[in-house]
Amino acid sequence: MANIQRIQVLVVIIISLLIQIALLQAETIASYVHPNISTLKSIVWITNRLGDGSILNLHCKSLDDNLGLKIIARNKSWSFTFRLNIWGTTVLYCHFPWPPGHSTDFYIYDDIRDGVHGGIPCIY
């Protein structure tokens, strides 16, 4: 019976040590990525500067958020903010339809291209 209790105590100690090691590694990784990753916000600002005076239609989204269809008049702007995820996989893209029947997708923010992987995260 005493032998089982010793094994249980030993298992609890080992699990506690593993949890502490994992937490220390997580703090080290988070500080390496960016010291304020949880509070860092990026801003996307889109302005319609189409030369022919056309209205700009766009639909932006990420894997988690759908910002809906936006219609921007000539020389007007629309903006939104977002927080980067801690895994470094934030991606936002916008779909731009053009009549008649033309459209394109553009990655507005890609963490691999714009994020901390390049050294300094793109905020604007």
N, C-alpha and C. Protein backbone atom coordinates (compact mmCIF):
# COMPACT_ATOMS: atom_id res chain seq x y z
N MET A 1 0.81 -1.19 0.00
CA MET A 1 0.00 0.00 0.00
C MET A 1 0.87 1.27 0.00
N ALA A 2 1.91 1.28 0.82
CA ALA A 2 2.83 2.42 0.89
C ALA A 2 3.56 2.60 -0.43
N ASN A 3 3.83 1.50 -1.11
CA ASN A 3 4.50 1.54 -2.40
C ASN A 3 3.64 2.27 -3.43
N ILE A 4 2.33 2.03 -3.45
CA ILE A 4 1.40 2.68 -4.39
C ILE A 4 1.33 4.17 -4.10
N GLN A 5 1.33 4.54 -2.83
CA GLN A 5 1.29 5.96 -2.47
C GLN A 5 2.56 6.68 -2.93
N ARG A 6 3.70 6.04 -2.79
CA ARG A 6 4.97 6.64 -3.27
C ARG A 6 4.93 6.85 -4.78
N ILE A 7 4.42 5.87 -5.48
CA ILE A 7 4.31 5.99 -6.95
C ILE A 7 3.37 7.13 -7.32
N GLN A 8 2.25 7.25 -6.60
CA GLN A 8 1.30 8.33 -6.88
C GLN A 8 1.95 9.69 -6.63
N VAL A 9 2.67 9.84 -5.53
CA VAL A 9 3.35 11.09 -5.22
C VAL A 9 4.39 11.40 -6.29
N LEU A 10 5.13 10.40 -6.70
CA LEU A 10 6.14 10.58 -7.74
C LEU A 10 5.50 11.02 -9.06
N VAL A 11 4.39 10.42 -9.43
CA VAL A 11 3.68 10.80 -10.66
C VAL A 11 3.20 12.24 -10.59
N VAL A 12 2.66 12.64 -9.44
CA VAL A 12 2.19 14.03 -9.26
C VAL A 12 3.35 15.01 -9.39
N ILE A 13 4.48 14.69 -8.80
CA ILE A 13 5.66 15.56 -8.88
C ILE A 13 6.14 15.67 -10.33
N ILE A 14 6.21 14.56 -11.03
CA ILE A 14 6.66 14.58 -12.43
C ILE A 14 5.70 15.39 -13.29
N ILE A 15 4.40 15.20 -13.10
CA ILE A 15 3.42 15.97 -13.88
C ILE A 15 3.55 17.46 -13.57
N SER A 16 3.73 17.82 -12.32
CA SER A 16 3.90 19.23 -11.94
C SER A 16 5.13 19.83 -12.61
N LEU A 17 6.23 19.10 -12.61
CA LEU A 17 7.44 19.59 -13.27
C LEU A 17 7.25 19.76 -14.77
N LEU A 18 6.58 18.82 -15.41
CA LEU A 18 6.32 18.93 -16.84
C LEU A 18 5.45 20.14 -17.16
N ILE A 19 4.45 20.40 -16.33
CA ILE A 19 3.58 21.57 -16.55
C ILE A 19 4.39 22.85 -16.39
N GLN A 20 5.25 22.93 -15.38
CA GLN A 20 6.08 24.12 -15.20
C GLN A 20 7.03 24.33 -16.37
N ILE A 21 7.62 23.28 -16.86
CA ILE A 21 8.51 23.39 -18.03
C ILE A 21 7.74 23.87 -19.25
N ALA A 22 6.56 23.32 -19.47
CA ALA A 22 5.74 23.73 -20.61
C ALA A 22 5.35 25.20 -20.51
N LEU A 23 4.99 25.67 -19.32
CA LEU A 23 4.63 27.08 -19.14
C LEU A 23 5.82 28.00 -19.38
N LEU A 24 6.99 27.62 -18.92
CA LEU A 24 8.18 28.42 -19.17
C LEU A 24 8.50 28.50 -20.66
N GLN A 25 8.36 27.40 -21.37
CA GLN A 25 8.61 27.41 -22.81
C GLN A 25 7.58 28.27 -23.53
N ALA A 26 6.33 28.22 -23.11
CA ALA A 26 5.29 29.03 -23.74
C ALA A 26 5.57 30.52 -23.54
N GLU A 27 6.02 30.91 -22.35
CA GLU A 27 6.37 32.31 -22.10
C GLU A 27 7.55 32.73 -22.96
N THR A 28 8.54 31.87 -23.11
CA THR A 28 9.70 32.18 -23.92
C THR A 28 9.31 32.36 -25.38
N ILE A 29 8.46 31.48 -25.89
CA ILE A 29 8.01 31.58 -27.29
C ILE A 29 7.20 32.84 -27.49
N ALA A 30 6.28 33.14 -26.58
CA ALA A 30 5.43 34.34 -26.71
C ALA A 30 6.27 35.60 -26.68
N SER A 31 7.29 35.67 -25.83
CA SER A 31 8.11 36.88 -25.77
C SER A 31 9.00 36.99 -27.01
N TYR A 32 9.38 35.87 -27.62
CA TYR A 32 10.18 35.90 -28.84
C TYR A 32 9.34 36.40 -30.02
N VAL A 33 8.09 35.96 -30.10
CA VAL A 33 7.22 36.37 -31.20
C VAL A 33 6.98 37.87 -31.14
N HIS A 34 6.48 38.36 -30.03
CA HIS A 34 6.27 39.79 -29.83
C HIS A 34 5.93 39.99 -28.37
N PRO A 35 6.55 40.94 -27.70
CA PRO A 35 6.31 41.09 -26.26
C PRO A 35 4.87 41.45 -25.92
N ASN A 36 4.15 42.08 -26.82
CA ASN A 36 2.78 42.48 -26.54
C ASN A 36 1.81 41.85 -27.53
N ILE A 37 2.03 40.59 -27.89
CA ILE A 37 1.23 39.94 -28.93
C ILE A 37 -0.26 39.94 -28.58
N SER A 38 -0.60 39.86 -27.31
CA SER A 38 -2.02 39.79 -26.94
C SER A 38 -2.72 41.13 -27.08
N THR A 39 -1.98 42.24 -27.09
CA THR A 39 -2.61 43.55 -27.20
C THR A 39 -2.37 44.21 -28.56
N LEU A 40 -1.52 43.62 -29.38
CA LEU A 40 -1.18 44.20 -30.67
C LEU A 40 -2.37 44.14 -31.62
N LYS A 41 -2.72 45.29 -32.19
CA LYS A 41 -3.80 45.35 -33.18
C LYS A 41 -3.25 45.86 -34.49
N SER A 42 -3.77 45.34 -35.57
CA SER A 42 -3.42 45.83 -36.90
C SER A 42 -4.63 46.55 -37.47
N ILE A 43 -4.37 47.52 -38.31
CA ILE A 43 -5.43 48.32 -38.93
C ILE A 43 -5.33 48.18 -40.44
N VAL A 44 -6.45 47.89 -41.07
CA VAL A 44 -6.53 47.87 -42.53
C VAL A 44 -7.41 49.04 -42.94
N TRP A 45 -6.89 49.86 -43.85
CA TRP A 45 -7.60 51.05 -44.31
C TRP A 45 -7.66 50.96 -45.83
N ILE A 46 -8.85 50.90 -46.39
CA ILE A 46 -9.03 50.77 -47.84
C ILE A 46 -9.72 52.02 -48.36
N THR A 47 -9.10 52.66 -49.34
CA THR A 47 -9.65 53.89 -49.94
C THR A 47 -9.91 53.65 -51.41
N ASN A 48 -11.07 54.08 -51.88
CA ASN A 48 -11.42 53.96 -53.29
C ASN A 48 -10.79 55.12 -54.06
N ARG A 49 -9.76 54.80 -54.81
CA ARG A 49 -9.11 55.80 -55.66
C ARG A 49 -9.14 55.34 -57.12
N LEU A 50 -10.21 54.64 -57.48
CA LEU A 50 -10.36 54.21 -58.86
C LEU A 50 -10.48 55.44 -59.74
N GLY A 51 -9.67 55.50 -60.78
CA GLY A 51 -9.57 56.69 -61.61
C GLY A 51 -10.81 57.04 -62.40
N ASP A 52 -11.66 56.05 -62.67
CA ASP A 52 -12.84 56.34 -63.49
C ASP A 52 -14.06 56.71 -62.65
N GLY A 53 -13.89 56.87 -61.34
CA GLY A 53 -15.00 57.27 -60.48
C GLY A 53 -15.93 56.13 -60.09
N SER A 54 -15.54 54.90 -60.37
CA SER A 54 -16.38 53.75 -60.07
C SER A 54 -16.53 53.53 -58.56
N ILE A 55 -17.62 52.89 -58.20
CA ILE A 55 -17.83 52.46 -56.83
C ILE A 55 -17.01 51.19 -56.63
N LEU A 56 -16.36 51.08 -55.48
CA LEU A 56 -15.55 49.91 -55.16
C LEU A 56 -16.35 48.97 -54.25
N ASN A 57 -16.57 47.77 -54.72
CA ASN A 57 -17.24 46.74 -53.93
C ASN A 57 -16.17 45.78 -53.42
N LEU A 58 -16.31 45.35 -52.17
CA LEU A 58 -15.38 44.37 -51.64
C LEU A 58 -16.03 43.58 -50.52
N HIS A 59 -15.51 42.40 -50.31
CA HIS A 59 -16.01 41.50 -49.26
C HIS A 59 -14.78 40.90 -48.58
N CYS A 60 -14.55 41.27 -47.32
CA CYS A 60 -13.36 40.82 -46.60
C CYS A 60 -13.74 39.78 -45.55
N LYS A 61 -12.81 38.83 -45.35
CA LYS A 61 -13.02 37.83 -44.31
C LYS A 61 -11.73 37.11 -43.98
N SER A 62 -11.79 36.40 -42.85
CA SER A 62 -10.72 35.51 -42.43
C SER A 62 -11.37 34.15 -42.17
N LEU A 63 -10.60 33.23 -41.62
CA LEU A 63 -11.19 31.94 -41.28
C LEU A 63 -12.22 32.08 -40.16
N ASP A 64 -12.04 33.09 -39.30
CA ASP A 64 -12.90 33.26 -38.14
C ASP A 64 -13.97 34.34 -38.30
N ASP A 65 -13.72 35.34 -39.11
CA ASP A 65 -14.61 36.49 -39.20
C ASP A 65 -14.99 36.79 -40.65
N ASN A 66 -16.26 37.14 -40.83
CA ASN A 66 -16.76 37.57 -42.12
C ASN A 66 -17.21 39.01 -41.95
N LEU A 67 -16.51 39.94 -42.59
CA LEU A 67 -16.81 41.36 -42.42
C LEU A 67 -17.90 41.87 -43.36
N GLY A 68 -18.37 41.01 -44.25
CA GLY A 68 -19.49 41.35 -45.11
C GLY A 68 -19.12 42.19 -46.32
N LEU A 69 -20.11 42.41 -47.17
CA LEU A 69 -19.94 43.21 -48.38
C LEU A 69 -19.87 44.69 -48.01
N LYS A 70 -18.90 45.39 -48.55
CA LYS A 70 -18.75 46.84 -48.34
C LYS A 70 -18.78 47.52 -49.70
N ILE A 71 -19.41 48.67 -49.74
CA ILE A 71 -19.50 49.47 -50.96
C ILE A 71 -18.88 50.83 -50.64
N ILE A 72 -17.79 51.15 -51.34
CA ILE A 72 -17.05 52.37 -51.05
C ILE A 72 -17.15 53.32 -52.24
N ALA A 73 -17.69 54.50 -51.99
CA ALA A 73 -17.82 55.52 -53.04
C ALA A 73 -16.44 56.10 -53.37
N ARG A 74 -16.36 56.79 -54.48
CA ARG A 74 -15.10 57.39 -54.94
C ARG A 74 -14.54 58.31 -53.86
N ASN A 75 -13.24 58.17 -53.60
CA ASN A 75 -12.49 58.96 -52.62
C ASN A 75 -12.97 58.78 -51.18
N LYS A 76 -13.72 57.73 -50.90
CA LYS A 76 -14.15 57.40 -49.53
C LYS A 76 -13.34 56.20 -49.05
N SER A 77 -13.34 56.00 -47.74
CA SER A 77 -12.54 54.92 -47.15
C SER A 77 -13.38 54.08 -46.20
N TRP A 78 -12.87 52.90 -45.93
CA TRP A 78 -13.42 51.99 -44.93
C TRP A 78 -12.25 51.32 -44.25
N SER A 79 -12.35 51.11 -42.94
CA SER A 79 -11.24 50.48 -42.22
C SER A 79 -11.77 49.50 -41.19
N PHE A 80 -10.89 48.61 -40.77
CA PHE A 80 -11.21 47.69 -39.69
C PHE A 80 -9.92 47.33 -38.96
N THR A 81 -10.06 46.90 -37.72
CA THR A 81 -8.92 46.48 -36.92
C THR A 81 -9.09 45.01 -36.56
N PHE A 82 -7.98 44.38 -36.27
CA PHE A 82 -8.01 42.99 -35.85
C PHE A 82 -6.78 42.69 -35.01
N ARG A 83 -6.88 41.64 -34.23
CA ARG A 83 -5.76 41.17 -33.42
C ARG A 83 -5.13 39.96 -34.09
N LEU A 84 -3.82 39.89 -34.00
CA LEU A 84 -3.09 38.76 -34.53
C LEU A 84 -3.27 37.56 -33.61
N ASN A 85 -3.33 36.37 -34.17
CA ASN A 85 -3.41 35.21 -33.30
C ASN A 85 -1.99 34.81 -32.85
N ILE A 86 -1.90 34.10 -31.74
CA ILE A 86 -0.59 33.79 -31.17
C ILE A 86 0.16 32.72 -31.95
N TRP A 87 -0.51 32.04 -32.86
CA TRP A 87 0.13 30.98 -33.64
C TRP A 87 0.83 31.52 -34.88
N GLY A 88 0.63 32.80 -35.19
CA GLY A 88 1.27 33.38 -36.37
C GLY A 88 0.66 32.92 -37.67
N THR A 89 -0.66 32.68 -37.65
CA THR A 89 -1.33 32.18 -38.86
C THR A 89 -2.48 33.09 -39.30
N THR A 90 -2.49 34.33 -38.83
CA THR A 90 -3.57 35.24 -39.20
C THR A 90 -3.52 35.54 -40.70
N VAL A 91 -4.66 35.34 -41.37
CA VAL A 91 -4.79 35.65 -42.80
C VAL A 91 -6.14 36.30 -43.01
N LEU A 92 -6.14 37.46 -43.67
CA LEU A 92 -7.37 38.14 -44.05
C LEU A 92 -7.30 38.41 -45.55
N TYR A 93 -8.39 38.16 -46.22
CA TYR A 93 -8.39 38.47 -47.65
C TYR A 93 -9.69 39.16 -48.02
N CYS A 94 -9.63 39.89 -49.13
CA CYS A 94 -10.80 40.60 -49.63
C CYS A 94 -11.03 40.19 -51.08
N HIS A 95 -12.30 40.06 -51.42
CA HIS A 95 -12.73 39.75 -52.77
C HIS A 95 -13.24 41.04 -53.39
N PHE A 96 -12.71 41.40 -54.57
CA PHE A 96 -13.08 42.62 -55.26
C PHE A 96 -13.76 42.26 -56.58
N PRO A 97 -15.09 42.37 -56.67
CA PRO A 97 -15.76 42.11 -57.96
C PRO A 97 -15.78 43.38 -58.82
N TRP A 98 -15.53 43.19 -60.13
CA TRP A 98 -15.62 44.30 -61.09
C TRP A 98 -16.55 43.89 -62.21
N PRO A 99 -17.49 44.73 -62.54
CA PRO A 99 -18.33 44.42 -63.69
C PRO A 99 -17.54 44.64 -64.97
N PRO A 100 -17.80 44.01 -66.04
CA PRO A 100 -18.78 42.93 -66.16
C PRO A 100 -18.11 41.57 -65.97
N GLY A 101 -18.36 40.94 -64.86
CA GLY A 101 -17.94 39.57 -64.62
C GLY A 101 -16.48 39.36 -64.24
N HIS A 102 -15.77 40.39 -63.87
CA HIS A 102 -14.37 40.26 -63.47
C HIS A 102 -14.28 40.41 -61.96
N SER A 103 -13.31 39.74 -61.37
CA SER A 103 -13.08 39.89 -59.94
C SER A 103 -11.69 39.38 -59.60
N THR A 104 -11.25 39.75 -58.40
CA THR A 104 -9.96 39.27 -57.93
C THR A 104 -9.99 39.16 -56.41
N ASP A 105 -9.16 38.29 -55.88
CA ASP A 105 -8.97 38.16 -54.44
C ASP A 105 -7.60 38.71 -54.10
N PHE A 106 -7.50 39.38 -52.97
CA PHE A 106 -6.22 39.92 -52.53
C PHE A 106 -6.06 39.63 -51.04
N TYR A 107 -4.92 39.07 -50.67
CA TYR A 107 -4.63 38.83 -49.26
C TYR A 107 -4.21 40.16 -48.64
N ILE A 108 -5.13 40.76 -47.89
CA ILE A 108 -4.89 42.05 -47.25
C ILE A 108 -3.84 41.90 -46.16
N TYR A 109 -3.91 40.81 -45.40
CA TYR A 109 -2.92 40.56 -44.36
C TYR A 109 -2.62 39.07 -44.32
N ASP A 110 -1.36 38.73 -44.42
CA ASP A 110 -0.90 37.35 -44.30
C ASP A 110 0.26 37.36 -43.31
N ASP A 111 0.09 36.69 -42.19
CA ASP A 111 1.08 36.76 -41.12
C ASP A 111 2.46 36.32 -41.59
N ILE A 112 2.54 35.39 -42.50
CA ILE A 112 3.85 34.95 -43.00
C ILE A 112 4.52 36.09 -43.78
N ARG A 113 3.73 36.83 -44.55
CA ARG A 113 4.28 37.94 -45.34
C ARG A 113 4.42 39.22 -44.52
N ASP A 114 3.42 39.53 -43.69
CA ASP A 114 3.34 40.84 -43.04
C ASP A 114 3.63 40.82 -41.55
N GLY A 115 3.72 39.65 -40.95
CA GLY A 115 3.79 39.55 -39.50
C GLY A 115 5.18 39.56 -38.92
N VAL A 116 5.28 39.04 -37.73
CA VAL A 116 6.53 39.06 -36.98
C VAL A 116 7.60 38.19 -37.59
N HIS A 117 7.25 37.33 -38.54
CA HIS A 117 8.25 36.49 -39.19
C HIS A 117 9.29 37.34 -39.90
N GLY A 118 8.88 38.52 -40.36
CA GLY A 118 9.79 39.44 -41.03
C GLY A 118 10.58 40.31 -40.06
N GLY A 119 10.35 40.16 -38.77
CA GLY A 119 11.07 40.95 -37.77
C GLY A 119 10.18 41.95 -37.07
N ILE A 120 9.51 42.79 -37.83
CA ILE A 120 8.63 43.81 -37.25
C ILE A 120 7.25 43.62 -37.87
N PRO A 121 6.23 43.40 -37.03
CA PRO A 121 4.89 43.17 -37.60
C PRO A 121 4.34 44.41 -38.28
N CYS A 122 3.62 44.18 -39.36
CA CYS A 122 2.93 45.26 -40.06
C CYS A 122 1.68 45.62 -39.25
N ILE A 123 1.60 46.87 -38.83
CA ILE A 123 0.45 47.30 -38.03
C ILE A 123 -0.52 48.09 -38.89
N TYR A 124 0.00 48.84 -39.87
CA TYR A 124 -0.87 49.63 -40.75
C TYR A 124 -0.78 49.07 -42.16
